[in-house]
Amino acid sequence: MSQNVVCCIRYVIDPYKRDDFETYARRWLTIIPQMGGELLGYFMPHEGTNNIALAMIGFDCLASYETYKGRLRQDAASLANFKFVQDTKCILEETRTFLTAVRK
């Protein structure tokens, strides 16, 4: 897949529930590609700020992203992962930004 659009998800996580967030992120490593996204990675806090995590998922266009979102809403593993976050409350805030690469 050629990534023309990258969805960058910025998470504000509860630093005391870091392990729960990591469990959530690891589950997406297999779910996202199955649903049609090109996972560029999940990134956990390492040094400095301890409550910001990122995910980057590539799509060929915004229409592909919309199709992907629809698949997530119908997938049992995706729904279970969303419920896991609701139960653990490890994510305090989530925002999405759509980016395109600067090319030569």
C-alpha atoms as a PDB file:
ATOM      1  CA  MET A   1       0.000   0.000   0.000  1.00  0.00           C
ATOM      2  CA  SER A   2       1.245   3.473  -0.771  1.00  0.00           C
ATOM      3  CA  GLN A   3       0.707   5.843   2.140  1.00  0.00           C
ATOM      4  CA  ASN A   4      -0.629   9.137   0.917  1.00  0.00           C
ATOM      5  CA  VAL A   5      -2.254   9.911   4.262  1.00  0.00           C
ATOM      6  CA  VAL A   6      -0.968   9.061   7.728  1.00  0.00           C
ATOM      7  CA  CYS A   7      -3.288   9.109  10.710  1.00  0.00           C
ATOM      8  CA  CYS A   8      -1.239  10.176  13.719  1.00  0.00           C
ATOM      9  CA  ILE A   9      -3.015   9.346  16.971  1.00  0.00           C
ATOM     10  CA  ARG A  10      -1.747  11.180  20.049  1.00  0.00           C
ATOM     11  CA  TYR A  11      -2.667   9.580  23.345  1.00  0.00           C
ATOM     12  CA  VAL A  12      -2.492  11.104  26.786  1.00  0.00           C
ATOM     13  CA  ILE A  13      -2.180   8.027  28.972  1.00  0.00           C
ATOM     14  CA  ASP A  14      -2.323   7.463  32.702  1.00  0.00           C
ATOM     15  CA  PRO A  15       1.369   6.868  33.503  1.00  0.00           C
ATOM     16  CA  TYR A  16       0.344   4.536  36.328  1.00  0.00           C
ATOM     17  CA  LYS A  17      -1.498   2.366  33.791  1.00  0.00           C
ATOM     18  CA  ARG A  18       1.319   2.211  31.253  1.00  0.00           C
ATOM     19  CA  ASP A  19       1.229  -1.610  31.171  1.00  0.00           C
ATOM     20  CA  ASP A  20      -2.485  -1.548  30.329  1.00  0.00           C
ATOM     21  CA  PHE A  21      -1.863   0.879  27.463  1.00  0.00           C
ATOM     22  CA  GLU A  22       0.970  -1.294  26.168  1.00  0.00           C
ATOM     23  CA  THR A  23      -1.359  -4.316  26.182  1.00  0.00           C
ATOM     24  CA  TYR A  24      -3.909  -2.267  24.217  1.00  0.00           C
ATOM     25  CA  ALA A  25      -1.253  -1.139  21.703  1.00  0.00           C
ATOM     26  CA  ARG A  26       0.155  -4.651  21.209  1.00  0.00           C
ATOM     27  CA  ARG A  27      -3.300  -5.947  20.307  1.00  0.00           C
ATOM     28  CA  TRP A  28      -3.539  -3.396  17.489  1.00  0.00           C
ATOM     29  CA  LEU A  29      -0.317  -4.704  15.950  1.00  0.00           C
ATOM     30  CA  THR A  30      -2.275  -7.575  14.413  1.00  0.00           C
ATOM     31  CA  ILE A  31      -5.752  -6.022  14.211  1.00  0.00           C
ATOM     32  CA  ILE A  32      -4.861  -2.882  12.221  1.00  0.00           C
ATOM     33  CA  PRO A  33      -3.270  -4.680   9.239  1.00  0.00           C
ATOM     34  CA  GLN A  34      -6.196  -7.128   9.114  1.00  0.00           C
ATOM     35  CA  MET A  35      -8.632  -4.206   8.919  1.00  0.00           C
ATOM     36  CA  GLY A  36      -6.789  -2.470   6.066  1.00  0.00           C
ATOM     37  CA  GLY A  37      -4.461   0.009   7.761  1.00  0.00           C
ATOM     38  CA  GLU A  38      -0.705   0.044   7.255  1.00  0.00           C
ATOM     39  CA  LEU A  39       0.634   0.244  10.790  1.00  0.00           C
ATOM     40  CA  LEU A  40       3.774   2.352  10.947  1.00  0.00           C
ATOM     41  CA  GLY A  41       3.995   1.828  14.697  1.00  0.00           C
ATOM     42  CA  TYR A  42       2.879   2.450  18.236  1.00  0.00           C
ATOM     43  CA  PHE A  43       5.295   4.492  20.307  1.00  0.00           C
ATOM     44  CA  MET A  44       5.441   4.465  24.103  1.00  0.00           C
ATOM     45  CA  PRO A  45       6.940   7.152  26.349  1.00  0.00           C
ATOM     46  CA  HIS A  46      10.623   6.477  26.907  1.00  0.00           C
ATOM     47  CA  GLU A  47      12.435   9.594  28.131  1.00  0.00           C
ATOM     48  CA  GLY A  48      10.984  12.924  29.174  1.00  0.00           C
ATOM     49  CA  THR A  49       7.196  13.187  29.264  1.00  0.00           C
ATOM     50  CA  ASN A  50       5.752   9.990  30.737  1.00  0.00           C
ATOM     51  CA  ASN A  51       2.147  10.322  29.585  1.00  0.00           C
ATOM     52  CA  ILE A  52       2.267  10.809  25.789  1.00  0.00           C
ATOM     53  CA  ALA A  53       2.119   7.892  23.348  1.00  0.00           C
ATOM     54  CA  LEU A  54       1.668   7.916  19.569  1.00  0.00           C
ATOM     55  CA  ALA A  55       0.405   5.626  16.836  1.00  0.00           C
ATOM     56  CA  MET A  56       0.852   6.142  13.114  1.00  0.00           C
ATOM     57  CA  ILE A  57      -1.268   4.340  10.533  1.00  0.00           C
ATOM     58  CA  GLY A  58      -0.943   4.815   6.771  1.00  0.00           C
ATOM     59  CA  PHE A  59      -3.742   4.853   4.198  1.00  0.00           C
ATOM     60  CA  ASP A  60      -3.798   5.506   0.486  1.00  0.00           C
ATOM     61  CA  CYS A  61      -6.568   8.125   0.946  1.00  0.00           C
ATOM     62  CA  LEU A  62      -9.130   9.380   3.466  1.00  0.00           C
ATOM     63  CA  ALA A  63     -11.799   7.159   1.895  1.00  0.00           C
ATOM     64  CA  SER A  64      -9.663   4.133   2.800  1.00  0.00           C
ATOM     65  CA  TYR A  65      -9.510   5.418   6.376  1.00  0.00           C
ATOM     66  CA  GLU A  66     -13.320   5.654   6.481  1.00  0.00           C
ATOM     67  CA  THR A  67     -13.627   2.058   5.198  1.00  0.00           C
ATOM     68  CA  TYR A  68     -11.099   0.960   7.853  1.00  0.00           C
ATOM     69  CA  LYS A  69     -13.129   2.686  10.611  1.00  0.00           C
ATOM     70  CA  GLY A  70     -16.242   0.840   9.464  1.00  0.00           C
ATOM     71  CA  ARG A  71     -14.422  -2.486   9.642  1.00  0.00           C
ATOM     72  CA  LEU A  72     -13.198  -1.729  13.169  1.00  0.00           C
ATOM     73  CA  ARG A  73     -16.779  -1.159  14.331  1.00  0.00           C
ATOM     74  CA  GLN A  74     -17.756  -4.652  13.158  1.00  0.00           C
ATOM     75  CA  ASP A  75     -14.708  -6.634  14.277  1.00  0.00           C
ATOM     76  CA  ALA A  76     -14.891  -8.635  17.531  1.00  0.00           C
ATOM     77  CA  ALA A  77     -11.193  -8.188  18.400  1.00  0.00           C
ATOM     78  CA  SER A  78     -11.379  -4.424  17.798  1.00  0.00           C
ATOM     79  CA  LEU A  79     -14.507  -4.077  19.911  1.00  0.00           C
ATOM     80  CA  ALA A  80     -12.909  -6.108  22.712  1.00  0.00           C
ATOM     81  CA  ASN A  81      -9.857  -3.832  22.642  1.00  0.00           C
ATOM     82  CA  PHE A  82     -12.038  -0.712  22.826  1.00  0.00           C
ATOM     83  CA  LYS A  83     -13.832  -2.257  25.823  1.00  0.00           C
ATOM     84  CA  PHE A  84     -10.478  -3.046  27.471  1.00  0.00           C
ATOM     85  CA  VAL A  85      -9.596   0.668  27.363  1.00  0.00           C
ATOM     86  CA  GLN A  86     -12.975   1.641  28.789  1.00  0.00           C
ATOM     87  CA  ASP A  87     -12.527  -0.851  31.627  1.00  0.00           C
ATOM     88  CA  THR A  88      -8.920   0.076  32.462  1.00  0.00           C
ATOM     89  CA  LYS A  89      -9.229   3.822  31.767  1.00  0.00           C
ATOM     90  CA  CYS A  90      -5.574   3.875  30.702  1.00  0.00           C
ATOM     91  CA  ILE A  91      -6.243   6.503  27.987  1.00  0.00           C
ATOM     92  CA  LEU A  92      -7.179   9.943  29.266  1.00  0.00           C
ATOM     93  CA  GLU A  93      -7.328  11.727  25.893  1.00  0.00           C
ATOM     94  CA  GLU A  94      -6.998  10.772  22.248  1.00  0.00           C
ATOM     95  CA  THR A  95      -6.614  13.082  19.242  1.00  0.00           C
ATOM     96  CA  ARG A  96      -6.100  12.386  15.546  1.00  0.00           C
ATOM     97  CA  THR A  97      -4.177  14.391  12.980  1.00  0.00           C
ATOM     98  CA  PHE A  98      -3.991  13.449   9.314  1.00  0.00           C
ATOM     99  CA  LEU A  99      -0.628  14.083   7.704  1.00  0.00           C
ATOM    100  CA  THR A 100       0.954  13.842   4.275  1.00  0.00           C
ATOM    101  CA  ALA A 101       4.659  13.417   3.609  1.00  0.00           C
ATOM    102  CA  VAL A 102       6.822  16.201   2.303  1.00  0.00           C
ATOM    103  CA  ARG A 103       8.307  14.886  -0.914  1.00  0.00           C
ATOM    104  CA  LYS A 104      11.109  16.049  -3.092  1.00  0.00           C
END
